[in-house]
């Protein structure tokens, strides 16, 4: 008789149990503990985890950030979708995908795909409104036709048991019918083994969670890092500098050398969608010829993206705060790491010292890094979908209260960029920058960086520079990306008693093949001209191209233009390790046709964590 009664009760609740089983896929707890058993239905991609964000790739890992004098490629923000807007939409740093979180419902009407005409509607309504142990997906769907496993069913049963226990403990036992209790007892017996397994897993997860909470570094701050090992060298070559007969000298920096660059970043996110970035960097790598040699004038044409020598001492490279004003305007302010490189959106989406091109020149248009300061204020305004405006003011010697320093008295950079995406395939950017330098250079460490000194006192020239440029990147296919840039500068000398201007020009074209042989690999081909002085009419016979040619500093341009050819292939060993061999050929280095071609070989290994 008891068996007949129980069979009848089970039949009565058959439809309810079917819906109870299918709810598993919408529960965060159930999704976690059932994943190993039903990967086809429960495994999902975590797209919102901050650890995988473009924001962390952009401002925490790649490329390494250093002051301009360290000659290392600073951080860029990738893609036309701002890293500010991509990540600051998160309300908190979390390892749980927001899209995975189940949504509790108090009425079956809240589930958009459940209709009164569904055969199990009444049963589902009872479970939702009487016991509240049914949840929906984040999009308020129930997906009742989705298949379920015994473990998933057991997990859902366990959730209802817990809910009923709460009701009884609260002194509301009269709200639970005897028939429901009898049915649940029978189900407990039937699924005893699965329930025991699930409870064991929950206990294990509780223990691990408690351990993590006790040992975690911070609930709001995450640590990210990048370590680059570089093995590089260049073939023997001779430079005709100065450009006079018999002044040929051998390159003194052709030893094969091995060094490293390490960056550690702390990313703290606050509940108001703001971020605090703190980064430290240490390195011991330099490929420069010593400044006692005329060959040092070629350093700007041979410098690699990942080099920077701090004597293995950690230095502060980033200390800035990023926050929202409204929903479309993000602001960055701080004493370190605030410049156009960090604020402008790069059209080339693989700009990276650790995972992009080998050379410093191929990272981005050199005028963007021109006199890049460290302290200042920037903004990123998302005007509309695919259209944004960035601006920045940056000071290179902001901490100095005297002399040629401070926020406004020393070397400074101010710039604005308009970035746009066209047809979802073409990223474009137009930018203007103005800078003031007091050391006779453009302060960008690439190409014709040095533009003048004042004779006879040899006091460094002061220049006010206007720079104009544009970048374009076309994703021709899912595997092929082609693009390039143009850059022009006009520098006006500011020293008393002197007059005149110096112009430079640079360009680059490139092609990137992505996922060519393996997911995550990258082949790059870059051809371009580093910054070259195209005109110099400074008074006082101090024009640099003429001085190098031994013609007394008369007005004029460089007699030749350097051509840069670079090939590299990034091969991912794992998610966190990649190896990139590369070759760089510098034709007519130093804009001197009579100098030998410089051939550079490098193998870069990058670890990210």
Protein backbone atom coordinates (compact mmCIF):
# COMPACT_ATOMS: atom_id res chain seq x y z
CA UNK A 1 0.00 0.00 0.00
CA UNK A 2 2.83 2.37 0.89
CA UNK A 3 4.53 1.54 -2.41
CA UNK A 4 1.39 2.28 -4.36
CA UNK A 5 0.90 5.57 -2.57
CA UNK A 6 4.50 6.62 -3.21
CA UNK A 7 4.23 5.63 -6.88
CA UNK A 8 1.12 7.76 -7.19
CA UNK A 9 2.86 10.70 -5.54
CA UNK A 10 5.83 10.37 -7.84
CA UNK A 11 3.58 10.37 -10.88
CA UNK A 12 1.79 13.44 -9.59
CA UNK A 13 5.06 15.29 -9.28
CA UNK A 14 6.67 13.95 -12.45
CA UNK A 15 6.31 17.23 -14.31
CA UNK A 16 7.62 19.19 -11.33
CA UNK A 17 10.69 17.01 -11.11
CA UNK A 18 11.40 17.38 -14.82
CA UNK A 19 11.48 21.16 -14.45
CA UNK A 20 13.47 20.84 -11.25
CA UNK A 21 16.14 18.91 -13.12
CA UNK A 22 16.44 21.43 -15.91
CA UNK A 23 16.94 24.34 -13.54
CA UNK A 24 20.43 23.06 -12.81
CA UNK A 25 21.97 24.88 -15.72
CA UNK A 26 20.84 28.22 -14.32
CA UNK A 27 22.37 27.84 -10.86
CA UNK A 28 25.86 29.15 -10.13
CA UNK A 29 26.49 26.48 -7.49
CA UNK A 30 25.19 23.71 -9.70
CA UNK A 31 27.12 24.97 -12.71
CA UNK A 32 30.32 24.81 -10.70
CA UNK A 33 29.91 21.32 -9.25
CA UNK A 34 28.41 19.68 -12.31
CA UNK A 35 30.90 21.02 -14.84
CA UNK A 36 33.21 18.02 -14.67
CA UNK A 37 30.40 15.65 -15.36
CA UNK A 38 28.54 17.54 -18.08
CA UNK A 39 31.05 19.72 -19.92
CA UNK A 40 28.88 19.95 -22.98
CA UNK A 41 26.14 21.76 -21.10
CA UNK A 42 27.88 23.56 -18.26
CA UNK A 43 31.28 24.66 -19.47
CA UNK A 44 31.35 28.32 -20.41
CA UNK A 45 33.88 30.95 -21.39
CA UNK A 46 34.63 33.55 -18.76
CA UNK A 47 34.58 36.73 -20.80
CA UNK A 48 34.31 39.20 -17.95
CA UNK A 49 37.04 37.90 -15.65
CA UNK A 50 39.43 40.78 -15.08
CA UNK A 51 42.36 38.37 -15.33
CA UNK A 52 41.55 37.92 -19.03
CA UNK A 53 40.72 41.47 -19.87
CA UNK A 54 42.13 43.60 -22.53
CA UNK A 55 42.56 46.08 -19.74
CA UNK A 56 45.08 43.82 -17.92
CA UNK A 57 46.90 43.02 -21.25
CA UNK A 58 47.07 46.68 -21.98
CA UNK A 59 47.93 48.40 -18.63
CA UNK A 60 49.38 45.62 -16.50
CA UNK A 61 51.32 43.26 -18.73
CA UNK A 62 52.32 44.69 -22.11
CA UNK A 63 54.43 46.49 -23.04
CA UNK A 64 56.77 47.59 -20.28
CA UNK A 65 56.43 51.18 -19.11
CA UNK A 66 59.48 53.31 -18.47
CA UNK A 67 60.38 56.97 -18.56
CA UNK A 68 61.42 58.14 -22.04
CA UNK A 69 65.09 58.27 -21.01
CA UNK A 70 64.98 54.54 -20.30
CA UNK A 71 64.28 53.97 -23.95
CA UNK A 72 61.72 51.24 -23.34
CA UNK A 73 58.37 50.95 -25.01
CA UNK A 74 55.61 52.20 -22.73
CA UNK A 75 52.10 50.90 -22.32
CA UNK A 76 49.48 51.37 -24.98
CA UNK A 77 45.74 50.96 -24.91
CA UNK A 78 44.71 48.54 -27.61
CA UNK A 79 41.78 48.64 -30.02
CA UNK A 80 39.25 51.35 -30.65
CA UNK A 81 37.09 50.04 -27.84
CA UNK A 82 38.70 51.88 -24.96
CA UNK A 83 40.37 49.83 -22.27
CA UNK A 84 38.86 52.33 -19.85
CA UNK A 85 35.34 51.51 -21.00
CA UNK A 86 35.99 47.79 -21.43
CA UNK A 87 37.08 47.23 -17.85
CA UNK A 88 35.67 50.05 -15.77
CA UNK A 89 32.19 48.74 -16.55
CA UNK A 90 33.01 46.05 -13.98
CA UNK A 91 31.68 46.89 -10.53
CA UNK A 92 34.35 44.78 -8.86
CA UNK A 93 37.26 42.49 -9.61
CA UNK A 94 35.90 38.96 -9.55
CA UNK A 95 36.85 35.52 -10.76
CA UNK A 96 33.19 34.73 -11.45
CA UNK A 97 31.71 35.60 -14.80
CA UNK A 98 28.79 37.95 -14.31
CA UNK A 99 27.02 36.12 -17.13
CA UNK A 100 27.24 32.87 -15.15
CA UNK A 101 25.35 34.13 -12.10
CA UNK A 102 21.88 32.64 -11.62
CA UNK A 103 19.01 35.05 -11.22
CA UNK A 104 16.52 34.21 -8.44
CA UNK A 105 12.89 34.64 -9.38
CA UNK A 106 9.84 35.02 -7.19
CA UNK A 107 7.26 34.47 -9.91
CA UNK A 108 7.15 32.20 -12.92
CA UNK A 109 6.13 35.21 -14.99
CA UNK A 110 9.68 36.54 -14.62
CA UNK A 111 10.95 33.71 -16.85
CA UNK A 112 10.53 35.04 -20.39
CA UNK A 113 10.51 31.68 -22.19
CA UNK A 114 7.93 29.98 -19.94
CA UNK A 115 4.35 30.14 -21.23
CA UNK A 116 1.05 29.20 -19.52
CA UNK A 117 0.52 26.74 -22.36
CA UNK A 118 3.67 24.76 -21.50
CA UNK A 119 2.77 21.26 -20.26
CA UNK A 120 4.78 21.71 -17.03
CA UNK A 121 3.77 25.30 -16.34
CA UNK A 122 1.70 24.50 -13.24
CA UNK A 123 4.42 22.34 -11.73
CA UNK A 124 7.07 24.98 -12.31
CA UNK A 125 4.81 27.67 -10.89
CA UNK A 126 4.41 25.60 -7.74
CA UNK A 127 8.15 25.16 -7.27
CA UNK A 128 8.84 28.86 -7.83
CA UNK A 129 6.05 30.41 -5.82
CA UNK A 130 5.69 27.87 -3.00
CA UNK A 131 9.32 27.02 -2.31
CA UNK A 132 11.44 29.53 -4.20
CA UNK A 133 14.06 26.94 -5.17
CA UNK A 134 14.04 27.64 -8.91
CA UNK A 135 16.38 30.15 -10.59
CA UNK A 136 16.71 31.46 -14.13
CA UNK A 137 19.54 32.46 -16.41
CA UNK A 138 20.84 36.07 -16.32
CA UNK A 139 18.74 36.84 -19.39
CA UNK A 140 15.61 35.78 -17.44
CA UNK A 141 15.13 32.58 -19.45
CA UNK A 142 14.59 29.10 -18.03
CA UNK A 143 15.50 26.88 -21.03
CA UNK A 144 13.27 24.06 -19.90
CA UNK A 145 14.05 21.83 -22.86
CA UNK A 146 17.75 21.59 -21.98
CA UNK A 147 18.95 18.09 -21.03
CA UNK A 148 20.24 17.34 -17.52
CA UNK A 149 22.40 14.69 -15.81
CA UNK A 150 21.78 12.80 -12.55
CA UNK A 151 24.33 14.97 -10.76
CA UNK A 152 22.62 18.12 -11.98
CA UNK A 153 19.26 16.76 -10.91
CA UNK A 154 20.68 15.85 -7.49
CA UNK A 155 22.09 19.34 -7.08
CA UNK A 156 18.71 20.88 -7.83
CA UNK A 157 17.04 18.46 -5.45
CA UNK A 158 19.54 19.44 -2.76
CA UNK A 159 18.70 23.12 -3.31
CA UNK A 160 14.98 22.39 -2.76
CA UNK A 161 15.73 20.31 0.32
CA UNK A 162 17.73 23.15 1.80
CA UNK A 163 14.93 25.60 1.05
CA UNK A 164 12.32 23.38 2.70
CA UNK A 165 14.57 22.93 5.75
CA UNK A 166 14.75 26.73 6.01
CA UNK A 167 10.95 26.90 5.93
CA UNK A 168 10.60 24.28 8.65
CA UNK A 169 13.32 25.90 10.80
CA UNK A 170 11.46 29.19 10.57
CA UNK A 171 8.38 27.54 12.14
CA UNK A 172 6.45 27.46 8.90
CA UNK A 173 6.16 23.66 8.59
CA UNK A 174 2.47 23.97 7.80
CA UNK A 175 3.40 25.52 4.46
CA UNK A 176 5.00 22.25 3.32
CA UNK A 177 2.52 19.54 2.37
CA UNK A 178 2.93 15.98 3.63
CA UNK A 179 2.82 14.75 0.04
CA UNK A 180 5.74 16.97 -0.94
CA UNK A 181 7.75 15.80 2.06
CA UNK A 182 7.07 12.16 1.23
CA UNK A 183 8.13 12.71 -2.35
CA UNK A 184 11.33 14.44 -1.30
CA UNK A 185 12.17 11.64 1.15
CA UNK A 186 11.80 9.11 -1.64
CA UNK A 187 14.00 11.21 -3.91
CA UNK A 188 16.58 11.52 -1.14
CA UNK A 189 16.79 7.74 -0.98
CA UNK A 190 16.96 7.41 -4.77
CA UNK A 191 19.72 10.03 -5.12
CA UNK A 192 21.55 9.36 -1.85
CA UNK A 193 24.85 8.57 -3.58
CA UNK A 194 24.75 11.68 -5.79
CA UNK A 195 23.78 13.93 -2.88
CA UNK A 196 26.65 12.57 -0.80
CA UNK A 197 29.06 13.25 -3.65
CA UNK A 198 27.78 16.79 -4.07
CA UNK A 199 27.98 17.52 -0.36
CA UNK A 200 31.52 16.22 -0.33
CA UNK A 201 32.39 18.53 -3.20
CA UNK A 202 30.75 21.48 -1.45
CA UNK A 203 32.69 20.74 1.74
CA UNK A 204 35.92 20.58 -0.25
CA UNK A 205 35.10 23.86 -1.99
CA UNK A 206 34.30 25.49 1.37
CA UNK A 207 37.67 24.37 2.71
CA UNK A 208 39.50 25.70 -0.35
CA UNK A 209 37.59 28.98 -0.18
CA UNK A 210 38.45 29.42 3.48
CA UNK A 211 42.12 28.76 2.70
CA UNK A 212 42.11 31.25 -0.17
CA UNK A 213 40.42 33.92 1.94
CA UNK A 214 43.02 33.43 4.67
CA UNK A 215 45.96 33.55 2.27
CA UNK A 216 44.80 35.96 -0.42
CA UNK A 217 46.79 39.11 -1.08
CA UNK A 218 43.78 41.37 -1.33
CA UNK A 219 40.10 41.23 -2.18
CA UNK A 220 40.37 44.25 -4.45
CA UNK A 221 43.98 44.27 -5.67
CA UNK A 222 45.39 41.82 -8.19
CA UNK A 223 49.04 41.25 -9.00
CA UNK A 224 50.11 40.89 -12.63
CA UNK A 225 53.55 40.55 -14.08
CA UNK A 226 55.66 40.14 -17.17
CA UNK A 227 59.22 38.93 -17.52
CA UNK A 228 61.09 39.22 -20.81
CA UNK A 229 64.36 37.41 -21.50
CA UNK A 230 66.22 38.70 -24.55
CA UNK A 231 69.11 37.11 -26.45
CA UNK A 232 70.28 39.46 -29.21
CA UNK A 233 73.24 40.69 -31.23
CA UNK A 234 74.16 42.30 -34.51
CA UNK A 235 76.66 41.60 -37.25
CA UNK A 236 79.86 43.60 -37.58
CA UNK A 237 79.34 46.86 -39.43
CA UNK A 238 81.07 50.18 -40.05
CA UNK A 239 79.54 53.64 -39.70
CA UNK A 240 80.62 56.63 -41.77
CA UNK A 241 79.96 59.17 -38.99
CA UNK A 242 80.87 62.02 -39.33
CA UNK A 243 80.29 61.79 -43.09
CA UNK A 244 83.82 62.75 -44.04
CA UNK A 245 86.46 60.76 -45.87
CA UNK A 246 88.37 58.39 -43.60
CA UNK A 247 86.01 58.70 -40.63
CA UNK A 248 84.70 55.13 -40.83
CA UNK A 249 84.49 53.42 -37.45
CA UNK A 250 83.51 49.88 -36.45
CA UNK A 251 80.36 49.33 -34.45
CA UNK A 252 81.54 48.72 -30.85
CA UNK A 253 78.27 47.10 -29.69
CA UNK A 254 78.13 43.85 -31.67
CA UNK A 255 78.54 41.41 -28.78
CA UNK A 256 75.80 38.81 -28.40
CA UNK A 257 74.20 39.77 -25.11
CA UNK A 258 71.53 38.35 -22.85
CA UNK A 259 69.37 40.32 -20.46
CA UNK A 260 65.98 40.62 -18.86
CA UNK A 261 63.21 43.07 -18.17
CA UNK A 262 60.61 42.50 -15.44
CA UNK A 263 57.47 44.43 -14.61
CA UNK A 264 55.13 43.91 -11.65
CA UNK A 265 51.77 45.65 -11.60
CA UNK A 266 49.17 46.02 -8.88
CA UNK A 267 45.69 46.74 -10.21
CA UNK A 268 43.17 47.89 -7.60
CA UNK A 269 39.55 48.29 -8.59
CA UNK A 270 37.05 50.13 -6.44
CA UNK A 271 33.27 49.69 -6.27
CA UNK A 272 32.69 52.97 -8.12
CA UNK A 273 34.34 51.49 -11.26
CA UNK A 274 37.61 53.31 -10.71
CA UNK A 275 41.11 51.84 -10.98
CA UNK A 276 44.44 52.49 -9.30
CA UNK A 277 47.48 51.20 -11.20
CA UNK A 278 50.88 50.82 -9.55
CA UNK A 279 53.76 49.31 -11.54
CA UNK A 280 57.40 48.59 -10.81
CA UNK A 281 60.05 47.70 -13.37
CA UNK A 282 63.60 46.40 -13.29
CA UNK A 283 65.96 45.53 -16.13
CA UNK A 284 69.57 45.16 -17.16
CA UNK A 285 69.43 45.16 -20.96
CA UNK A 286 70.96 47.66 -23.38
CA UNK A 287 72.12 47.32 -26.98
CA UNK A 288 73.41 50.90 -27.22
CA UNK A 289 76.84 51.87 -28.45
CA UNK A 290 78.65 53.96 -25.78
CA UNK A 291 78.14 57.72 -26.00
CA UNK A 292 81.91 58.15 -26.40
CA UNK A 293 81.54 56.75 -29.93
CA UNK A 294 80.01 58.45 -32.96
CA UNK A 295 78.22 55.13 -33.47
CA UNK A 296 75.96 56.18 -30.58
CA UNK A 297 74.13 58.32 -33.14
CA UNK A 298 72.81 55.03 -34.57
CA UNK A 299 71.31 53.91 -31.26
CA UNK A 300 67.94 55.39 -32.17
CA UNK A 301 67.88 53.22 -35.30
CA UNK A 302 68.80 49.92 -33.60
CA UNK A 303 67.03 50.06 -30.24
CA UNK A 304 64.82 47.10 -29.29
CA UNK A 305 61.36 47.40 -27.76
CA UNK A 306 62.05 45.46 -24.58
CA UNK A 307 65.39 46.90 -23.50
CA UNK A 308 65.89 49.22 -20.57
CA UNK A 309 68.65 49.27 -18.00
CA UNK A 310 67.77 50.13 -14.40
CA UNK A 311 70.75 48.28 -12.94
CA UNK A 312 68.42 45.50 -11.81
CA UNK A 313 66.79 47.96 -9.41
CA UNK A 314 63.02 48.28 -9.35
CA UNK A 315 61.76 51.73 -10.28
CA UNK A 316 58.25 53.13 -10.14
CA UNK A 317 56.83 53.37 -13.65
CA UNK A 318 53.09 53.71 -13.03
CA UNK A 319 51.10 55.37 -10.30
CA UNK A 320 47.85 56.69 -11.68
CA UNK A 321 44.13 56.68 -10.98
CA UNK A 322 41.43 56.14 -13.60
CA UNK A 323 37.77 56.94 -13.04
CA UNK A 324 34.50 57.66 -14.82
CA UNK A 325 32.59 60.90 -15.19
CA UNK A 326 29.21 59.74 -16.38
CA UNK A 327 29.06 56.72 -18.67
CA UNK A 328 31.17 57.91 -21.61
CA UNK A 329 34.05 59.93 -20.18
CA UNK A 330 37.02 58.27 -18.44
CA UNK A 331 39.79 60.28 -16.78
CA UNK A 332 43.34 59.34 -15.81
CA UNK A 333 45.45 61.36 -13.38
CA UNK A 334 48.66 60.63 -11.53
CA UNK A 335 52.36 61.36 -10.96
CA UNK A 336 53.65 58.42 -13.06
CA UNK A 337 52.64 56.81 -16.33
CA UNK A 338 50.37 59.55 -17.69
CA UNK A 339 51.23 60.36 -21.32
CA UNK A 340 49.93 59.97 -24.85
CA UNK A 341 51.25 56.41 -25.11
CA UNK A 342 49.02 55.33 -22.23
CA UNK A 343 45.99 57.43 -23.13
CA UNK A 344 45.74 57.23 -26.94
CA UNK A 345 44.12 54.15 -28.46
CA UNK A 346 46.51 52.32 -30.76
CA UNK A 347 45.18 51.39 -34.18
CA UNK A 348 47.64 48.49 -34.41
CA UNK A 349 46.22 46.03 -31.92
CA UNK A 350 49.45 44.13 -31.30
CA UNK A 351 51.56 46.99 -29.95
CA UNK A 352 53.51 45.26 -27.20
CA UNK A 353 57.10 45.09 -26.00
CA UNK A 354 56.60 41.51 -24.88
CA UNK A 355 54.41 40.09 -27.65
CA UNK A 356 54.56 42.52 -30.59
CA UNK A 357 57.38 43.70 -32.86
CA UNK A 358 61.02 43.30 -31.79
CA UNK A 359 62.18 46.88 -32.43
CA UNK A 360 61.19 50.04 -30.62
CA UNK A 361 60.47 51.86 -33.89
CA UNK A 362 57.87 49.26 -34.96
CA UNK A 363 55.83 49.62 -31.76
CA UNK A 364 53.97 52.77 -32.76
CA UNK A 365 54.35 56.13 -34.51
CA UNK A 366 57.38 57.75 -32.80
CA UNK A 367 55.68 61.12 -32.54
CA UNK A 368 53.26 59.65 -29.96
CA UNK A 369 56.21 58.92 -27.64
CA UNK A 370 57.80 62.29 -28.36
CA UNK A 371 58.70 63.85 -25.01
CA UNK A 372 56.29 61.51 -23.24
CA UNK A 373 56.14 62.75 -19.68
CA UNK A 374 55.10 60.96 -16.53
CA UNK A 375 52.75 63.17 -14.47
CA UNK A 376 49.58 64.76 -15.74
CA UNK A 377 45.95 64.42 -16.72
CA UNK A 378 44.24 62.62 -19.57
CA UNK A 379 40.75 61.73 -20.76
CA UNK A 380 39.05 59.27 -23.09
CA UNK A 381 35.62 60.28 -24.38
CA UNK A 382 33.47 57.71 -26.16
CA UNK A 383 31.57 60.05 -28.46
CA UNK A 384 29.55 57.28 -30.05
CA UNK A 385 29.96 53.66 -31.04
CA UNK A 386 33.23 53.39 -32.95
CA UNK A 387 34.20 57.05 -32.43
CA UNK A 388 36.26 58.38 -29.54
CA UNK A 389 38.41 61.34 -28.55
CA UNK A 390 41.43 61.21 -26.26
CA UNK A 391 43.48 64.05 -24.81
CA UNK A 392 46.43 64.32 -22.44
CA UNK A 393 48.72 66.80 -20.73
CA UNK A 394 51.96 65.38 -19.37
CA UNK A 395 55.02 66.84 -17.63
CA UNK A 396 58.42 65.20 -17.75
CA UNK A 397 59.89 66.83 -14.63
CA UNK A 398 56.78 67.53 -12.58
CA UNK A 399 58.34 66.79 -9.18
CA UNK A 400 60.91 69.59 -9.46
CA UNK A 401 59.87 72.83 -7.73
CA UNK A 402 62.75 74.87 -9.14
CA UNK A 403 64.58 75.45 -12.39
CA UNK A 404 63.25 74.15 -15.69
CA UNK A 405 60.70 71.81 -14.10
CA UNK A 406 57.33 71.49 -12.43
CA UNK A 407 54.01 70.77 -14.07
CA UNK A 408 54.28 73.73 -16.45
CA UNK A 409 57.86 75.00 -16.41
CA UNK A 410 59.83 72.07 -17.80
CA UNK A 411 59.53 69.52 -20.61
CA UNK A 412 55.86 68.98 -21.39
CA UNK A 413 53.60 67.14 -23.82
CA UNK A 414 50.02 67.94 -24.76
CA UNK A 415 48.10 65.97 -27.35
CA UNK A 416 44.72 65.02 -28.73
CA UNK A 417 43.62 62.05 -30.86
CA UNK A 418 40.43 61.20 -32.73
CA UNK A 419 40.02 57.44 -33.17
CA UNK A 420 37.36 55.72 -35.27
CA UNK A 421 36.35 52.29 -36.49
CA UNK A 422 35.02 52.10 -40.06
CA UNK A 423 32.90 49.16 -41.25
CA UNK A 424 34.06 47.14 -38.20
CA UNK A 425 37.26 46.30 -40.10
CA UNK A 426 39.27 49.50 -40.28
CA UNK A 427 40.72 51.27 -37.25
CA UNK A 428 41.92 54.81 -37.87
CA UNK A 429 43.43 57.56 -35.73
CA UNK A 430 44.42 61.17 -36.35
CA UNK A 431 46.52 62.95 -33.73
CA UNK A 432 48.23 66.21 -32.92
CA UNK A 433 50.86 66.76 -30.23
CA UNK A 434 52.77 69.77 -28.98
CA UNK A 435 55.86 69.45 -26.83
CA UNK A 436 58.57 71.52 -25.23
CA UNK A 437 62.05 70.00 -24.79
CA UNK A 438 65.16 71.52 -23.23
CA UNK A 439 67.82 68.96 -24.17
CA UNK A 440 68.29 69.49 -27.92
CA UNK A 441 66.22 66.39 -28.80
CA UNK A 442 62.66 65.36 -29.62
CA UNK A 443 62.91 63.04 -26.63
CA UNK A 444 61.51 59.95 -28.33
CA UNK A 445 64.65 57.78 -28.61
CA UNK A 446 63.93 56.76 -32.22
CA UNK A 447 65.60 57.83 -35.48
CA UNK A 448 66.77 61.44 -35.79
CA UNK A 449 66.04 62.23 -32.17
CA UNK A 450 68.86 64.74 -31.77
CA UNK A 451 68.10 67.99 -33.64
CA UNK A 452 70.52 70.61 -32.36
CA UNK A 453 72.85 72.32 -29.87
CA UNK A 454 73.73 75.98 -29.57
CA UNK A 455 77.30 76.94 -30.39
CA UNK A 456 79.74 78.12 -29.22
CA UNK A 457 78.47 77.55 -25.66
CA UNK A 458 77.21 74.01 -26.38
CA UNK A 459 74.09 74.73 -24.32
CA UNK A 460 71.30 72.31 -25.17
CA UNK A 461 68.73 73.76 -27.51
CA UNK A 462 65.18 74.35 -26.40
CA UNK A 463 62.51 73.48 -28.93
CA UNK A 464 58.77 73.85 -29.21
CA UNK A 465 57.49 71.08 -31.49
CA UNK A 466 54.22 70.60 -33.32
CA UNK A 467 53.62 67.03 -34.50
CA UNK A 468 50.93 65.64 -36.80
CA UNK A 469 50.23 62.03 -37.62
CA UNK A 470 47.77 59.35 -38.58
CA UNK A 471 47.51 55.58 -38.25
CA UNK A 472 45.40 53.00 -40.05
CA UNK A 473 44.87 49.30 -39.51
CA UNK A 474 42.72 47.09 -41.74
CA UNK A 475 41.63 43.60 -40.67
CA UNK A 476 41.48 42.28 -44.21
CA UNK A 477 40.58 38.79 -42.96
CA UNK A 478 40.38 37.09 -39.60
CA UNK A 479 44.03 36.12 -40.02
CA UNK A 480 45.49 39.09 -41.90
CA UNK A 481 45.88 42.61 -40.56
CA UNK A 482 47.63 45.32 -42.58
CA UNK A 483 48.26 48.95 -41.78
CA UNK A 484 50.71 51.76 -41.31
CA UNK A 485 51.29 55.30 -40.13
CA UNK A 486 52.72 58.69 -41.10
CA UNK A 487 54.31 61.23 -38.79
CA UNK A 488 55.59 64.80 -39.27
CA UNK A 489 57.20 67.20 -36.78
CA UNK A 490 58.10 70.89 -36.95
CA UNK A 491 60.38 72.15 -34.15
CA UNK A 492 61.03 75.84 -33.53
CA UNK A 493 64.15 76.79 -31.55
CA UNK A 494 63.45 78.78 -28.37
CA UNK A 495 66.95 79.87 -27.32
CA UNK A 496 67.55 83.62 -27.20
CA UNK A 497 69.47 84.86 -30.21
CA UNK A 498 68.59 81.90 -32.41
CA UNK A 499 65.86 81.30 -34.95
CA UNK A 500 64.73 78.63 -37.38
CA UNK A 501 62.96 75.30 -37.61
CA UNK A 502 63.73 71.59 -37.95
CA UNK A 503 61.34 69.20 -39.71
CA UNK A 504 61.28 65.40 -39.49
CA UNK A 505 59.22 62.76 -41.25
CA UNK A 506 58.65 59.04 -40.64
CA UNK A 507 56.41 56.29 -42.02
CA UNK A 508 55.67 52.62 -41.56
CA UNK A 509 53.72 49.85 -43.33
CA UNK A 510 53.11 46.43 -41.84
CA UNK A 511 51.33 43.11 -42.23
CA UNK A 512 50.43 40.80 -39.35
CA UNK A 513 49.38 37.19 -39.91
CA UNK A 514 47.51 35.86 -36.88
CA UNK A 515 46.92 32.19 -35.95
CA UNK A 516 48.92 31.15 -38.99
CA UNK A 517 50.07 27.70 -37.79
CA UNK A 518 48.80 27.65 -34.21
CA UNK A 519 46.26 29.58 -32.20
CA UNK A 520 47.97 32.59 -30.71
CA UNK A 521 50.95 32.71 -33.06
CA UNK A 522 51.84 35.83 -35.02
CA UNK A 523 54.01 36.59 -38.03
CA UNK A 524 54.90 40.23 -38.60
CA UNK A 525 56.49 42.05 -41.53
CA UNK A 526 57.30 45.75 -41.02
CA UNK A 527 58.89 48.15 -43.51
CA UNK A 528 59.35 51.83 -42.81
CA UNK A 529 61.48 54.93 -42.42
CA UNK A 530 62.47 56.09 -38.91
CA UNK A 531 62.27 59.83 -38.24
CA UNK A 532 64.58 61.67 -40.63
CA UNK A 533 65.38 65.39 -40.72
CA UNK A 534 63.86 66.64 -43.98
CA UNK A 535 64.69 70.33 -43.41
CA UNK A 536 66.80 72.32 -40.94
CA UNK A 537 67.32 76.09 -41.21
CA UNK A 538 68.51 77.02 -37.73
CA UNK A 539 70.55 80.22 -37.52
CA UNK A 540 74.14 80.17 -36.33
CA UNK A 541 75.35 77.32 -38.55
CA UNK A 542 74.11 74.67 -36.11
CA UNK A 543 72.04 72.53 -38.48
CA UNK A 544 72.66 68.92 -37.54
CA UNK A 545 72.62 67.20 -40.99
CA UNK A 546 75.28 69.62 -42.26
CA UNK A 547 77.43 69.26 -39.15
CA UNK A 548 77.53 65.48 -39.63
CA UNK A 549 78.55 65.99 -43.25
CA UNK A 550 81.33 68.41 -42.32
CA UNK A 551 79.89 71.30 -44.32
CA UNK A 552 79.77 73.83 -41.49
CA UNK A 553 76.18 73.53 -40.33
CA UNK A 554 74.48 75.09 -43.35
CA UNK A 555 70.75 74.64 -43.89
CA UNK A 556 69.47 71.43 -45.48
CA UNK A 557 68.12 67.91 -44.98
CA UNK A 558 69.74 64.56 -44.31
CA UNK A 559 71.49 63.31 -47.47
CA UNK A 560 69.75 59.93 -47.30
CA UNK A 561 66.87 58.19 -45.55
CA UNK A 562 67.16 55.06 -43.45
CA UNK A 563 64.96 52.07 -44.35
CA UNK A 564 63.85 49.70 -41.60
CA UNK A 565 62.89 46.08 -42.47
CA UNK A 566 61.73 43.75 -39.71
CA UNK A 567 60.45 40.18 -39.61
CA UNK A 568 59.42 38.26 -36.50
CA UNK A 569 57.40 35.20 -35.54
CA UNK A 570 55.77 34.82 -32.13
CA UNK A 571 55.20 31.21 -31.14
CA UNK A 572 53.10 30.50 -28.03
CA UNK A 573 54.52 27.69 -25.91
CA UNK A 574 51.56 27.96 -23.55
CA UNK A 575 48.99 30.53 -22.48
CA UNK A 576 51.63 32.36 -20.43
CA UNK A 577 54.86 31.74 -22.37
CA UNK A 578 55.87 32.74 -25.89
CA UNK A 579 59.10 32.75 -27.89
CA UNK A 580 59.70 35.32 -30.63
CA UNK A 581 62.69 35.11 -32.98
CA UNK A 582 63.18 38.16 -35.15
CA UNK A 583 65.42 39.84 -37.71
CA UNK A 584 65.86 43.56 -38.26
CA UNK A 585 67.73 45.11 -41.21
CA UNK A 586 68.64 48.79 -41.03
CA UNK A 587 69.64 50.11 -44.46
CA UNK A 588 71.59 53.40 -44.56
CA UNK A 589 71.59 53.71 -40.75
CA UNK A 590 71.77 57.20 -39.35
CA UNK A 591 70.38 58.45 -42.67
CA UNK A 592 73.87 57.89 -44.05
CA UNK A 593 74.09 55.97 -47.32
CA UNK A 594 77.83 55.30 -46.90
CA UNK A 595 77.35 53.39 -43.62
CA UNK A 596 77.02 49.60 -43.67
CA UNK A 597 73.66 47.92 -43.31
CA UNK A 598 73.07 46.84 -39.72
CA UNK A 599 71.66 43.33 -39.24
CA UNK A 600 70.10 42.55 -35.86
CA UNK A 601 69.03 39.13 -34.65
CA UNK A 602 67.01 38.54 -31.50
CA UNK A 603 65.17 35.82 -29.61
CA UNK A 604 62.67 37.15 -27.08
CA UNK A 605 61.01 34.93 -24.48
CA UNK A 606 58.05 36.38 -22.63
CA UNK A 607 56.45 35.11 -19.43
CA UNK A 608 53.19 36.60 -18.20
CA UNK A 609 51.48 35.88 -14.91
